[in-house]
PDB file of N, CA and C in Angstrom:
ATOM      1  N   MET A   1      10.924   4.707  -8.119  1.00  0.00           N
ATOM      2  CA  MET A   1      10.515   4.143  -6.845  1.00  0.00           C
ATOM      3  C   MET A   1       9.434   3.093  -7.088  1.00  0.00           C
ATOM      4  N   ARG A   2       9.530   2.000  -6.352  1.00  0.00           N
ATOM      5  CA  ARG A   2       8.556   0.921  -6.459  1.00  0.00           C
ATOM      6  C   ARG A   2       7.913   0.652  -5.108  1.00  0.00           C
ATOM      7  N   VAL A   3       6.625   0.438  -5.138  1.00  0.00           N
ATOM      8  CA  VAL A   3       5.854   0.124  -3.943  1.00  0.00           C
ATOM      9  C   VAL A   3       5.748  -1.385  -3.822  1.00  0.00           C
ATOM     10  N   GLN A   4       5.876  -1.882  -2.585  1.00  0.00           N
ATOM     11  CA  GLN A   4       5.769  -3.317  -2.349  1.00  0.00           C
ATOM     12  C   GLN A   4       4.932  -3.580  -1.107  1.00  0.00           C
ATOM     13  N   VAL A   5       4.279  -4.746  -1.106  1.00  0.00           N
ATOM     14  CA  VAL A   5       3.530  -5.223   0.052  1.00  0.00           C
ATOM     15  C   VAL A   5       4.143  -6.553   0.467  1.00  0.00           C
ATOM     16  N   ASP A   6       4.520  -6.667   1.726  1.00  0.00           N
ATOM     17  CA  ASP A   6       4.981  -7.934   2.276  1.00  0.00           C
ATOM     18  C   ASP A   6       3.741  -8.706   2.709  1.00  0.00           C
ATOM     19  N   GLU A   7       3.317  -9.650   1.883  1.00  0.00           N
ATOM     20  CA  GLU A   7       2.074 -10.372   2.137  1.00  0.00           C
ATOM     21  C   GLU A   7       2.151 -11.260   3.376  1.00  0.00           C
ATOM     22  N   THR A   8       3.354 -11.519   3.873  1.00  0.00           N
ATOM     23  CA  THR A   8       3.468 -12.302   5.107  1.00  0.00           C
ATOM     24  C   THR A   8       3.127 -11.460   6.326  1.00  0.00           C
ATOM     25  N   LYS A   9       3.178 -10.134   6.177  1.00  0.00           N
ATOM     26  CA  LYS A   9       2.854  -9.225   7.284  1.00  0.00           C
ATOM     27  C   LYS A   9       1.463  -8.620   7.166  1.00  0.00           C
ATOM     28  N   CYS A  10       0.934  -8.537   5.954  1.00  0.00           N
ATOM     29  CA  CYS A  10      -0.327  -7.847   5.709  1.00  0.00           C
ATOM     30  C   CYS A  10      -1.493  -8.578   6.367  1.00  0.00           C
ATOM     31  N   SER A  11      -2.332  -7.800   7.056  1.00  0.00           N
ATOM     32  CA  SER A  11      -3.524  -8.381   7.669  1.00  0.00           C
ATOM     33  C   SER A  11      -4.797  -7.922   6.960  1.00  0.00           C
ATOM     34  N   GLY A  12      -4.658  -7.143   5.882  1.00  0.00           N
ATOM     35  CA  GLY A  12      -5.795  -6.744   5.065  1.00  0.00           C
ATOM     36  C   GLY A  12      -6.722  -5.724   5.696  1.00  0.00           C
ATOM     37  N   ILE A  13      -6.212  -4.928   6.607  1.00  0.00           N
ATOM     38  CA  ILE A  13      -7.040  -3.918   7.273  1.00  0.00           C
ATOM     39  C   ILE A  13      -7.552  -2.885   6.269  1.00  0.00           C
ATOM     40  N   GLY A  14      -6.743  -2.527   5.295  1.00  0.00           N
ATOM     41  CA  GLY A  14      -7.184  -1.629   4.233  1.00  0.00           C
ATOM     42  C   GLY A  14      -6.843  -0.169   4.409  1.00  0.00           C
ATOM     43  N   MET A  15      -6.032   0.163   5.405  1.00  0.00           N
ATOM     44  CA  MET A  15      -5.634   1.564   5.582  1.00  0.00           C
ATOM     45  C   MET A  15      -4.929   2.089   4.332  1.00  0.00           C
ATOM     46  N   CYS A  16      -4.143   1.244   3.692  1.00  0.00           N
ATOM     47  CA  CYS A  16      -3.423   1.671   2.495  1.00  0.00           C
ATOM     48  C   CYS A  16      -4.387   2.026   1.369  1.00  0.00           C
ATOM     49  N   GLU A  17      -5.410   1.213   1.199  1.00  0.00           N
ATOM     50  CA  GLU A  17      -6.395   1.475   0.149  1.00  0.00           C
ATOM     51  C   GLU A  17      -7.165   2.759   0.440  1.00  0.00           C
ATOM     52  N   MET A  18      -7.487   2.999   1.692  1.00  0.00           N
ATOM     53  CA  MET A  18      -8.199   4.230   2.052  1.00  0.00           C
ATOM     54  C   MET A  18      -7.335   5.462   1.828  1.00  0.00           C
ATOM     55  N   THR A  19      -6.022   5.318   2.017  1.00  0.00           N
ATOM     56  CA  THR A  19      -5.108   6.449   1.909  1.00  0.00           C
ATOM     57  C   THR A  19      -4.639   6.693   0.474  1.00  0.00           C
ATOM     58  N   ALA A  20      -4.391   5.625  -0.265  1.00  0.00           N
ATOM     59  CA  ALA A  20      -3.862   5.741  -1.630  1.00  0.00           C
ATOM     60  C   ALA A  20      -4.554   4.724  -2.535  1.00  0.00           C
ATOM     61  N   ALA A  21      -5.816   4.967  -2.805  1.00  0.00           N
ATOM     62  CA  ALA A  21      -6.633   4.011  -3.568  1.00  0.00           C
ATOM     63  C   ALA A  21      -6.151   3.807  -4.997  1.00  0.00           C
ATOM     64  N   SER A  22      -5.427   4.751  -5.543  1.00  0.00           N
ATOM     65  CA  SER A  22      -4.928   4.587  -6.903  1.00  0.00           C
ATOM     66  C   SER A  22      -3.710   3.667  -6.962  1.00  0.00           C
ATOM     67  N   VAL A  23      -3.154   3.327  -5.798  1.00  0.00           N
ATOM     68  CA  VAL A  23      -1.947   2.505  -5.740  1.00  0.00           C
ATOM     69  C   VAL A  23      -2.201   1.142  -5.092  1.00  0.00           C
ATOM     70  N   PHE A  24      -3.093   1.099  -4.098  1.00  0.00           N
ATOM     71  CA  PHE A  24      -3.355  -0.134  -3.344  1.00  0.00           C
ATOM     72  C   PHE A  24      -4.815  -0.559  -3.455  1.00  0.00           C
ATOM     73  N   GLU A  25      -5.040  -1.870  -3.355  1.00  0.00           N
ATOM     74  CA  GLU A  25      -6.391  -2.391  -3.193  1.00  0.00           C
ATOM     75  C   GLU A  25      -6.316  -3.670  -2.370  1.00  0.00           C
ATOM     76  N   VAL A  26      -7.352  -3.896  -1.582  1.00  0.00           N
ATOM     77  CA  VAL A  26      -7.456  -5.138  -0.830  1.00  0.00           C
ATOM     78  C   VAL A  26      -8.269  -6.097  -1.689  1.00  0.00           C
ATOM     79  N   GLY A  27      -7.657  -7.223  -2.000  1.00  0.00           N
ATOM     80  CA  GLY A  27      -8.300  -8.184  -2.881  1.00  0.00           C
ATOM     81  C   GLY A  27      -9.274  -9.094  -2.158  1.00  0.00           C
ATOM     82  N   ASP A  28      -9.923  -9.941  -2.930  1.00  0.00           N
ATOM     83  CA  ASP A  28     -10.859 -10.919  -2.387  1.00  0.00           C
ATOM     84  C   ASP A  28     -10.176 -11.896  -1.439  1.00  0.00           C
ATOM     85  N   ASP A  29      -8.855 -11.978  -1.551  1.00  0.00           N
ATOM     86  CA  ASP A  29      -8.092 -12.866  -0.675  1.00  0.00           C
ATOM     87  C   ASP A  29      -7.798 -12.238   0.683  1.00  0.00           C
ATOM     88  N   GLY A  30      -8.255 -10.989   0.892  1.00  0.00           N
ATOM     89  CA  GLY A  30      -8.047 -10.320   2.169  1.00  0.00           C
ATOM     90  C   GLY A  30      -6.665  -9.733   2.338  1.00  0.00           C
ATOM     91  N   GLN A  31      -5.906  -9.624   1.266  1.00  0.00           N
ATOM     92  CA  GLN A  31      -4.560  -9.072   1.305  1.00  0.00           C
ATOM     93  C   GLN A  31      -4.500  -7.793   0.478  1.00  0.00           C
ATOM     94  N   ALA A  32      -3.651  -6.876   0.899  1.00  0.00           N
ATOM     95  CA  ALA A  32      -3.416  -5.670   0.111  1.00  0.00           C
ATOM     96  C   ALA A  32      -2.540  -6.029  -1.080  1.00  0.00           C
ATOM     97  N   HIS A  33      -2.840  -5.399  -2.199  1.00  0.00           N
ATOM     98  CA  HIS A  33      -2.070  -5.608  -3.420  1.00  0.00           C
ATOM     99  C   HIS A  33      -1.730  -4.256  -4.021  1.00  0.00           C
ATOM    100  N   VAL A  34      -0.576  -4.182  -4.640  1.00  0.00           N
ATOM    101  CA  VAL A  34      -0.159  -2.970  -5.327  1.00  0.00           C
ATOM    102  C   VAL A  34      -0.723  -3.033  -6.737  1.00  0.00           C
ATOM    103  N   ILE A  35      -1.529  -2.059  -7.085  1.00  0.00           N
ATOM    104  CA  ILE A  35      -2.085  -2.022  -8.432  1.00  0.00           C
ATOM    105  C   ILE A  35      -1.331  -1.037  -9.326  1.00  0.00           C
ATOM    106  N   LYS A  36      -0.466  -0.239  -8.702  1.00  0.00           N
ATOM    107  CA  LYS A  36       0.363   0.699  -9.447  1.00  0.00           C
ATOM    108  C   LYS A  36       1.728   0.746  -8.764  1.00  0.00           C
ATOM    109  N   PRO A  37       2.636  -0.162  -9.140  1.00  0.00           N
ATOM    110  CA  PRO A  37       3.921  -0.287  -8.439  1.00  0.00           C
ATOM    111  C   PRO A  37       4.822   0.944  -8.513  1.00  0.00           C
ATOM    112  N   GLU A  38       4.646   1.761  -9.538  1.00  0.00           N
ATOM    113  CA  GLU A  38       5.460   2.961  -9.677  1.00  0.00           C
ATOM    114  C   GLU A  38       4.538   4.183  -9.661  1.00  0.00           C
ATOM    115  N   PRO A  39       4.274   4.716  -8.468  1.00  0.00           N
ATOM    116  CA  PRO A  39       3.333   5.834  -8.355  1.00  0.00           C
ATOM    117  C   PRO A  39       3.842   7.095  -9.034  1.00  0.00           C
ATOM    118  N   ASP A  40       2.895   7.889  -9.503  1.00  0.00           N
ATOM    119  CA  ASP A  40       3.224   9.193 -10.071  1.00  0.00           C
ATOM    120  C   ASP A  40       3.702  10.115  -8.948  1.00  0.00           C
ATOM    121  N   ALA A  41       4.359  11.185  -9.320  1.00  0.00           N
ATOM    122  CA  ALA A  41       4.905  12.121  -8.335  1.00  0.00           C
ATOM    123  C   ALA A  41       3.824  12.655  -7.404  1.00  0.00           C
ATOM    124  N   ASP A  42       2.624  12.878  -7.932  1.00  0.00           N
ATOM    125  CA  ASP A  42       1.554  13.422  -7.092  1.00  0.00           C
ATOM    126  C   ASP A  42       0.929  12.372  -6.176  1.00  0.00           C
ATOM    127  N   GLU A  43       1.305  11.107  -6.315  1.00  0.00           N
ATOM    128  CA  GLU A  43       0.790  10.038  -5.465  1.00  0.00           C
ATOM    129  C   GLU A  43       1.761   9.629  -4.356  1.00  0.00           C
ATOM    130  N   VAL A  44       3.005  10.056  -4.469  1.00  0.00           N
ATOM    131  CA  VAL A  44       4.049   9.616  -3.534  1.00  0.00           C
ATOM    132  C   VAL A  44       3.727  10.015  -2.096  1.00  0.00           C
ATOM    133  N   GLU A  45       3.220  11.203  -1.880  1.00  0.00           N
ATOM    134  CA  GLU A  45       2.899  11.640  -0.519  1.00  0.00           C
ATOM    135  C   GLU A  45       1.840  10.731   0.112  1.00  0.00           C
ATOM    136  N   ALA A  46       0.819  10.373  -0.642  1.00  0.00           N
ATOM    137  CA  ALA A  46      -0.225   9.476  -0.134  1.00  0.00           C
ATOM    138  C   ALA A  46       0.346   8.085   0.143  1.00  0.00           C
ATOM    139  N   VAL A  47       1.238   7.620  -0.709  1.00  0.00           N
ATOM    140  CA  VAL A  47       1.879   6.314  -0.496  1.00  0.00           C
ATOM    141  C   VAL A  47       2.708   6.344   0.779  1.00  0.00           C
ATOM    142  N   GLN A  48       3.466   7.404   0.975  1.00  0.00           N
ATOM    143  CA  GLN A  48       4.270   7.519   2.191  1.00  0.00           C
ATOM    144  C   GLN A  48       3.387   7.562   3.430  1.00  0.00           C
ATOM    145  N   GLU A  49       2.248   8.212   3.344  1.00  0.00           N
ATOM    146  CA  GLU A  49       1.309   8.240   4.459  1.00  0.00           C
ATOM    147  C   GLU A  49       0.758   6.835   4.723  1.00  0.00           C
ATOM    148  N   ALA A  50       0.444   6.110   3.659  1.00  0.00           N
ATOM    149  CA  ALA A  50      -0.046   4.735   3.809  1.00  0.00           C
ATOM    150  C   ALA A  50       1.006   3.856   4.473  1.00  0.00           C
ATOM    151  N   ILE A  51       2.255   4.023   4.090  1.00  0.00           N
ATOM    152  CA  ILE A  51       3.352   3.260   4.683  1.00  0.00           C
ATOM    153  C   ILE A  51       3.461   3.581   6.179  1.00  0.00           C
ATOM    154  N   SER A  52       3.397   4.855   6.509  1.00  0.00           N
ATOM    155  CA  SER A  52       3.500   5.272   7.911  1.00  0.00           C
ATOM    156  C   SER A  52       2.342   4.768   8.757  1.00  0.00           C
ATOM    157  N   ASN A  53       1.149   4.671   8.157  1.00  0.00           N
ATOM    158  CA  ASN A  53      -0.044   4.285   8.898  1.00  0.00           C
ATOM    159  C   ASN A  53      -0.341   2.793   8.883  1.00  0.00           C
ATOM    160  N   CYS A  54       0.450   2.017   8.170  1.00  0.00           N
ATOM    161  CA  CYS A  54       0.201   0.574   8.103  1.00  0.00           C
ATOM    162  C   CYS A  54       0.478  -0.046   9.466  1.00  0.00           C
ATOM    163  N   PRO A  55      -0.544  -0.618  10.104  1.00  0.00           N
ATOM    164  CA  PRO A  55      -0.357  -1.150  11.442  1.00  0.00           C
ATOM    165  C   PRO A  55       0.550  -2.378  11.522  1.00  0.00           C
ATOM    166  N   THR A  56       0.758  -3.052  10.401  1.00  0.00           N
ATOM    167  CA  THR A  56       1.624  -4.241  10.412  1.00  0.00           C
ATOM    168  C   THR A  56       2.966  -3.988   9.740  1.00  0.00           C
ATOM    169  N   GLN A  57       3.191  -2.757   9.295  1.00  0.00           N
ATOM    170  CA  GLN A  57       4.443  -2.380   8.635  1.00  0.00           C
ATOM    171  C   GLN A  57       4.737  -3.286   7.437  1.00  0.00           C
ATOM    172  N   ALA A  58       3.715  -3.553   6.663  1.00  0.00           N
ATOM    173  CA  ALA A  58       3.846  -4.451   5.515  1.00  0.00           C
ATOM    174  C   ALA A  58       4.173  -3.729   4.205  1.00  0.00           C
ATOM    175  N   LEU A  59       4.208  -2.409   4.225  1.00  0.00           N
ATOM    176  CA  LEU A  59       4.398  -1.637   2.990  1.00  0.00           C
ATOM    177  C   LEU A  59       5.789  -1.029   2.939  1.00  0.00           C
ATOM    178  N   SER A  60       6.305  -0.899   1.713  1.00  0.00           N
ATOM    179  CA  SER A  60       7.588  -0.232   1.545  1.00  0.00           C
ATOM    180  C   SER A  60       7.642   0.465   0.182  1.00  0.00           C
ATOM    181  N   LEU A  61       8.512   1.445   0.096  1.00  0.00           N
ATOM    182  CA  LEU A  61       8.742   2.211  -1.123  1.00  0.00           C
ATOM    183  C   LEU A  61      10.242   2.306  -1.281  1.00  0.00           C
ATOM    184  N   ALA A  62      10.748   1.722  -2.342  1.00  0.00           N
ATOM    185  CA  ALA A  62      12.212   1.733  -2.557  1.00  0.00           C
ATOM    186  C   ALA A  62      12.547   2.162  -3.952  1.00  0.00           C
TER     187      ALA A  62
END
């Protein structure tokens, strides 16, 4: 599974970083970035929560 951020939708609120800091970070550019595109099994639940809570629906896991 790979995590992706649609930078055209991301507003840099940072909910993803707060929920799954080992996978996401908001950069100096104000956009969320994936720092670990293939999360470990113990991180998947947090990633799914981040996806569900993203107010702009910019995150995906495929």
